[in-house]
Amino acid sequence: MYEQKIRKLMHGLKKDRIKVDDAVKKLKFMPFEDLGFAKIDHHRALRKGFPEVVYCQNKTIRQVANIIKKLNRSNMNILATRATKEMYNEVKKQNKNAKYNESSKTIIIQNNKNKRLNNNKITILSAGTSDINVAEEAAIVAEVMGNKVERLYDVGVAGLHRLLNNKEKLEDSSVLVVVAGMDGVLPSVVSGIFGKPIIAVPTSVGYGASFKGIAPLLTMLNSCSPGVVVVNIDNGFGAGYFASMINK
């Protein structure tokens, strides 16, 4: 059915019944591939500029492997987040180019060399070492999307001199992603010093009263320093994706 629609569209182009721009618009919203347990959006790169990212959490190993196998037919770069090592091992059987990042729990298949969007830089900051897994998710996503990324980890407010020691690097960045748990103060501090767009990422790291990320989330949402936007708890993916959009 979908192939017939595409053929009809191509014939229309060939006979000048439809304009190229109109054909592209139609292709952007062509139907998905239905696997029963998942509906794969093959045209997301056409609409959004980047292919569909596979969120692996709560999926079975076989489901993840099948989704990635279908996506891989398009010969585009593939990114899967919240993946386990067992999922990666299964994916690796069908694609030797697959790589696993233990810290960010991401699977990457690099079918094409990344084209650098521009010379602008995204800098990822983590307040503590315990926040690095979320920070790495943001960094990997931004890198796969073609951005130059710098990492500054363990620069939280418990030792503010560690942050200030990197002033030149931060001033040289176009977007800052600031990842913090505990009291979640770091994004406000960074925003008060540097005039850059800041994406704040609360993490579930902290003692009991942090309520698994609720406390830093509320702190970031109530930031008195302008220029801070906030994503959900532990959402490194969302932060890296949005930073890439800003960096364009």
Protein backbone atom coordinates (compact mmCIF):
# COMPACT_ATOMS: atom_id res chain seq x y z
CA MET A 1 0.00 0.00 0.00
CA TYR A 2 2.74 2.47 0.97
CA GLU A 3 4.84 1.50 -2.06
CA GLN A 4 1.85 2.19 -4.33
CA LYS A 5 1.49 5.67 -2.84
CA ILE A 6 5.17 6.40 -3.42
CA ARG A 7 4.97 5.12 -7.00
CA LYS A 8 1.94 7.31 -7.66
CA LEU A 9 3.85 10.27 -6.26
CA MET A 10 6.88 9.56 -8.45
CA HIS A 11 4.73 9.20 -11.56
CA GLY A 12 3.13 12.55 -10.73
CA LEU A 13 6.56 14.13 -10.55
CA LYS A 14 7.64 12.53 -13.82
CA LYS A 15 4.58 13.86 -15.65
CA ASP A 16 4.81 17.30 -13.97
CA ARG A 17 1.48 16.82 -12.23
CA ILE A 18 3.04 17.70 -8.89
CA LYS A 19 5.81 20.10 -7.90
CA VAL A 20 9.00 18.86 -6.24
CA ASP A 21 8.33 20.88 -3.06
CA ASP A 22 4.82 19.41 -2.79
CA ALA A 23 6.21 15.88 -3.24
CA VAL A 24 8.74 16.44 -0.45
CA LYS A 25 5.95 17.64 1.86
CA LYS A 26 3.95 14.51 1.14
CA LEU A 27 6.95 12.26 1.74
CA LYS A 28 7.57 13.90 5.12
CA PHE A 29 4.33 12.44 6.43
CA MET A 30 4.17 9.15 4.56
CA PRO A 31 2.98 6.24 6.74
CA PHE A 32 5.27 4.38 9.08
CA GLU A 33 6.38 0.75 9.06
CA ASP A 34 4.18 -1.27 11.41
CA LEU A 35 5.92 -4.11 13.26
CA GLY A 36 2.96 -4.82 15.49
CA PHE A 37 4.77 -3.88 18.70
CA ALA A 38 6.27 -0.70 17.18
CA LYS A 39 5.57 1.73 14.36
CA ILE A 40 8.85 2.87 12.84
CA ASP A 41 8.94 6.42 11.53
CA HIS A 42 11.39 6.21 8.63
CA HIS A 43 10.77 9.78 7.52
CA ARG A 44 11.55 11.55 10.77
CA ALA A 45 14.94 12.67 9.46
CA LEU A 46 13.14 14.39 6.58
CA ARG A 47 10.82 16.22 8.99
CA LYS A 48 13.12 16.84 11.93
CA GLY A 49 16.64 16.68 10.51
CA PHE A 50 17.58 13.58 12.52
CA PRO A 51 16.29 9.97 12.38
CA GLU A 52 14.04 8.42 15.02
CA VAL A 53 15.97 7.65 18.21
CA VAL A 54 15.21 4.29 19.84
CA TYR A 55 14.26 4.53 23.52
CA CYS A 56 15.14 1.06 24.81
CA GLN A 57 13.93 1.12 28.41
CA ASN A 58 11.10 -1.37 29.06
CA LYS A 59 11.53 -2.91 25.61
CA THR A 60 12.70 -6.51 25.22
CA ILE A 61 16.08 -7.35 23.75
CA ARG A 62 14.41 -8.82 20.67
CA GLN A 63 12.20 -5.75 20.16
CA VAL A 64 15.20 -3.41 20.30
CA ALA A 65 17.19 -5.57 17.89
CA ASN A 66 14.31 -5.76 15.40
CA ILE A 67 13.65 -2.01 15.49
CA ILE A 68 17.31 -1.19 14.94
CA LYS A 69 17.53 -3.76 12.13
CA LYS A 70 14.64 -2.07 10.30
CA LEU A 71 16.04 1.43 10.86
CA ASN A 72 19.46 0.32 9.64
CA ARG A 73 18.10 -0.40 6.17
CA SER A 74 17.98 3.34 5.54
CA ASN A 75 21.78 3.47 5.92
CA MET A 76 21.55 6.44 8.26
CA ASN A 77 23.23 6.91 11.63
CA ILE A 78 21.34 5.18 14.45
CA LEU A 79 21.13 6.12 18.11
CA ALA A 80 19.48 4.06 20.85
CA THR A 81 19.22 5.35 24.42
CA ARG A 82 18.79 3.63 27.81
CA ALA A 83 20.12 0.41 26.33
CA THR A 84 21.53 -2.51 28.31
CA LYS A 85 24.71 -4.37 27.47
CA GLU A 86 22.56 -7.42 26.62
CA MET A 87 20.63 -5.35 24.06
CA TYR A 88 23.89 -4.16 22.54
CA ASN A 89 25.25 -7.72 22.31
CA GLU A 90 22.18 -8.75 20.30
CA VAL A 91 22.41 -5.70 18.03
CA LYS A 92 26.12 -6.35 17.51
CA LYS A 93 25.31 -9.77 16.03
CA GLN A 94 23.52 -8.13 13.12
CA ASN A 95 25.73 -5.06 12.77
CA LYS A 96 29.45 -5.15 13.48
CA ASN A 97 29.64 -1.34 13.40
CA ALA A 98 27.50 -1.00 16.53
CA LYS A 99 29.23 0.59 19.51
CA TYR A 100 28.14 0.79 23.14
CA ASN A 101 28.82 3.61 25.58
CA GLU A 102 28.67 2.13 29.07
CA SER A 103 28.32 5.46 30.85
CA SER A 104 25.48 6.90 28.76
CA LYS A 105 23.91 3.48 28.02
CA THR A 106 23.67 4.31 24.33
CA ILE A 107 24.08 2.20 21.20
CA ILE A 108 25.47 4.00 18.18
CA ILE A 109 25.70 2.75 14.60
CA GLN A 110 27.72 5.16 12.50
CA ASN A 111 26.74 4.48 8.90
CA ASN A 112 27.81 7.92 7.71
CA LYS A 113 30.56 10.23 8.86
CA ASN A 114 29.15 13.02 10.99
CA LYS A 115 28.93 16.32 9.18
CA ARG A 116 29.81 19.10 11.59
CA LEU A 117 26.88 21.55 11.76
CA ASN A 118 29.22 24.49 12.32
CA ASN A 119 32.17 25.50 14.49
CA ASN A 120 29.99 26.38 17.46
CA LYS A 121 30.52 24.36 20.62
CA ILE A 122 28.14 22.79 23.13
CA THR A 123 29.60 22.36 26.60
CA ILE A 124 28.19 19.77 28.99
CA LEU A 125 28.74 20.38 32.72
CA SER A 126 28.06 17.96 35.53
CA ALA A 127 27.88 19.09 39.15
CA GLY A 128 29.31 15.81 40.43
CA THR A 129 30.81 12.56 39.24
CA SER A 130 27.53 10.84 40.15
CA ASP A 131 25.76 12.93 37.48
CA ILE A 132 28.09 11.87 34.66
CA ASN A 133 25.86 9.13 33.23
CA VAL A 134 23.11 11.68 32.49
CA ALA A 135 25.65 14.22 31.26
CA GLU A 136 27.16 11.61 28.94
CA GLU A 137 23.76 10.85 27.46
CA ALA A 138 23.44 14.54 26.56
CA ALA A 139 26.98 14.66 25.19
CA ILE A 140 26.62 11.54 23.02
CA VAL A 141 23.30 12.74 21.58
CA ALA A 142 24.78 16.13 20.70
CA GLU A 143 27.85 14.54 19.12
CA VAL A 144 25.85 12.07 17.03
CA MET A 145 23.79 15.02 15.76
CA GLY A 146 26.95 16.64 14.40
CA ASN A 147 27.99 19.05 17.14
CA LYS A 148 31.35 19.87 18.62
CA VAL A 149 31.04 18.93 22.30
CA GLU A 150 33.22 19.68 25.31
CA ARG A 151 32.80 18.02 28.71
CA LEU A 152 33.42 19.65 32.10
CA TYR A 153 32.61 17.16 34.85
CA ASP A 154 32.55 17.48 38.64
CA VAL A 155 32.43 21.29 38.75
CA GLY A 156 29.60 21.72 41.27
CA VAL A 157 29.01 24.46 43.83
CA ALA A 158 30.66 22.50 46.63
CA GLY A 159 33.93 23.73 45.09
CA LEU A 160 33.08 26.75 42.95
CA HIS A 161 36.73 27.38 42.03
CA ARG A 162 36.55 24.27 39.81
CA LEU A 163 33.88 25.99 37.70
CA LEU A 164 35.61 29.37 37.59
CA ASN A 165 38.82 27.69 36.47
CA ASN A 166 37.06 27.00 33.14
CA LYS A 167 35.77 30.51 32.38
CA GLU A 168 37.41 30.71 28.94
CA LYS A 169 35.96 27.37 27.81
CA LEU A 170 32.47 28.37 28.93
CA GLU A 171 32.67 31.81 27.30
CA ASP A 172 33.68 30.07 24.07
CA SER A 173 30.53 27.91 24.04
CA SER A 174 27.26 28.62 22.23
CA VAL A 175 25.08 26.48 24.52
CA LEU A 176 25.61 25.10 28.02
CA VAL A 177 23.96 21.93 29.31
CA VAL A 178 24.20 21.90 33.11
CA VAL A 179 23.48 18.60 34.86
CA ALA A 180 23.02 18.51 38.64
CA GLY A 181 21.39 16.52 41.41
CA MET A 182 21.38 17.19 45.17
CA ASP A 183 20.29 20.85 45.59
CA GLY A 184 20.37 21.54 41.82
CA VAL A 185 21.88 25.02 42.22
CA LEU A 186 24.59 24.85 39.55
CA PRO A 187 22.49 26.05 36.54
CA SER A 188 21.50 29.25 38.37
CA VAL A 189 25.12 29.92 39.35
CA VAL A 190 26.33 29.35 35.79
CA SER A 191 23.56 31.55 34.38
CA GLY A 192 24.47 34.35 36.77
CA ILE A 193 28.04 34.40 35.44
CA PHE A 194 27.77 33.48 31.74
CA GLY A 195 25.46 34.96 29.13
CA LYS A 196 24.79 31.72 27.26
CA PRO A 197 21.58 29.73 26.71
CA ILE A 198 21.47 27.16 29.50
CA ILE A 199 19.63 23.84 29.50
CA ALA A 200 19.32 22.57 33.06
CA VAL A 201 19.03 18.84 33.71
CA PRO A 202 18.01 17.68 37.20
CA THR A 203 19.20 14.20 38.15
CA SER A 204 17.83 11.66 40.61
CA VAL A 205 21.15 11.76 42.49
CA GLY A 206 20.91 12.84 46.13
CA TYR A 207 19.93 11.98 49.67
CA GLY A 208 16.36 11.40 50.86
CA ALA A 209 15.09 14.99 50.75
CA SER A 210 16.08 15.33 47.12
CA PHE A 211 13.08 13.05 46.44
CA LYS A 212 14.77 11.28 43.49
CA GLY A 213 15.26 14.51 41.56
CA ILE A 214 12.15 16.47 42.55
CA ALA A 215 14.17 18.91 44.72
CA PRO A 216 16.71 19.87 42.02
CA LEU A 217 13.91 20.02 39.44
CA LEU A 218 12.00 22.58 41.52
CA THR A 219 15.19 24.54 42.22
CA MET A 220 15.94 24.79 38.51
CA LEU A 221 12.35 25.73 37.62
CA ASN A 222 12.52 28.51 40.22
CA SER A 223 15.84 29.90 39.02
CA CYS A 224 15.99 33.67 39.50
CA SER A 225 18.63 34.04 36.77
CA PRO A 226 17.16 34.44 33.26
CA GLY A 227 18.20 32.24 30.35
CA VAL A 228 17.64 28.85 32.00
CA VAL A 229 15.25 26.25 30.59
CA VAL A 230 14.69 22.90 32.29
CA VAL A 231 14.14 19.37 30.98
CA ASN A 232 12.77 16.45 32.96
CA ILE A 233 14.64 14.47 35.61
CA ASP A 234 17.56 12.45 34.15
CA ASN A 235 16.60 13.54 30.60
CA GLY A 236 20.06 13.87 29.11
CA PHE A 237 18.66 12.89 25.72
CA GLY A 238 16.21 15.80 25.65
CA ALA A 239 18.91 18.25 26.72
CA GLY A 240 21.40 17.08 24.09
CA TYR A 241 18.77 17.15 21.34
CA PHE A 242 17.54 20.64 22.22
CA ALA A 243 21.09 21.96 22.57
CA SER A 244 21.75 20.73 19.03
CA MET A 245 18.68 22.57 17.75
CA ILE A 246 19.91 25.79 19.38
CA ASN A 247 23.42 25.23 18.05
CA LYS A 248 22.16 25.09 14.46
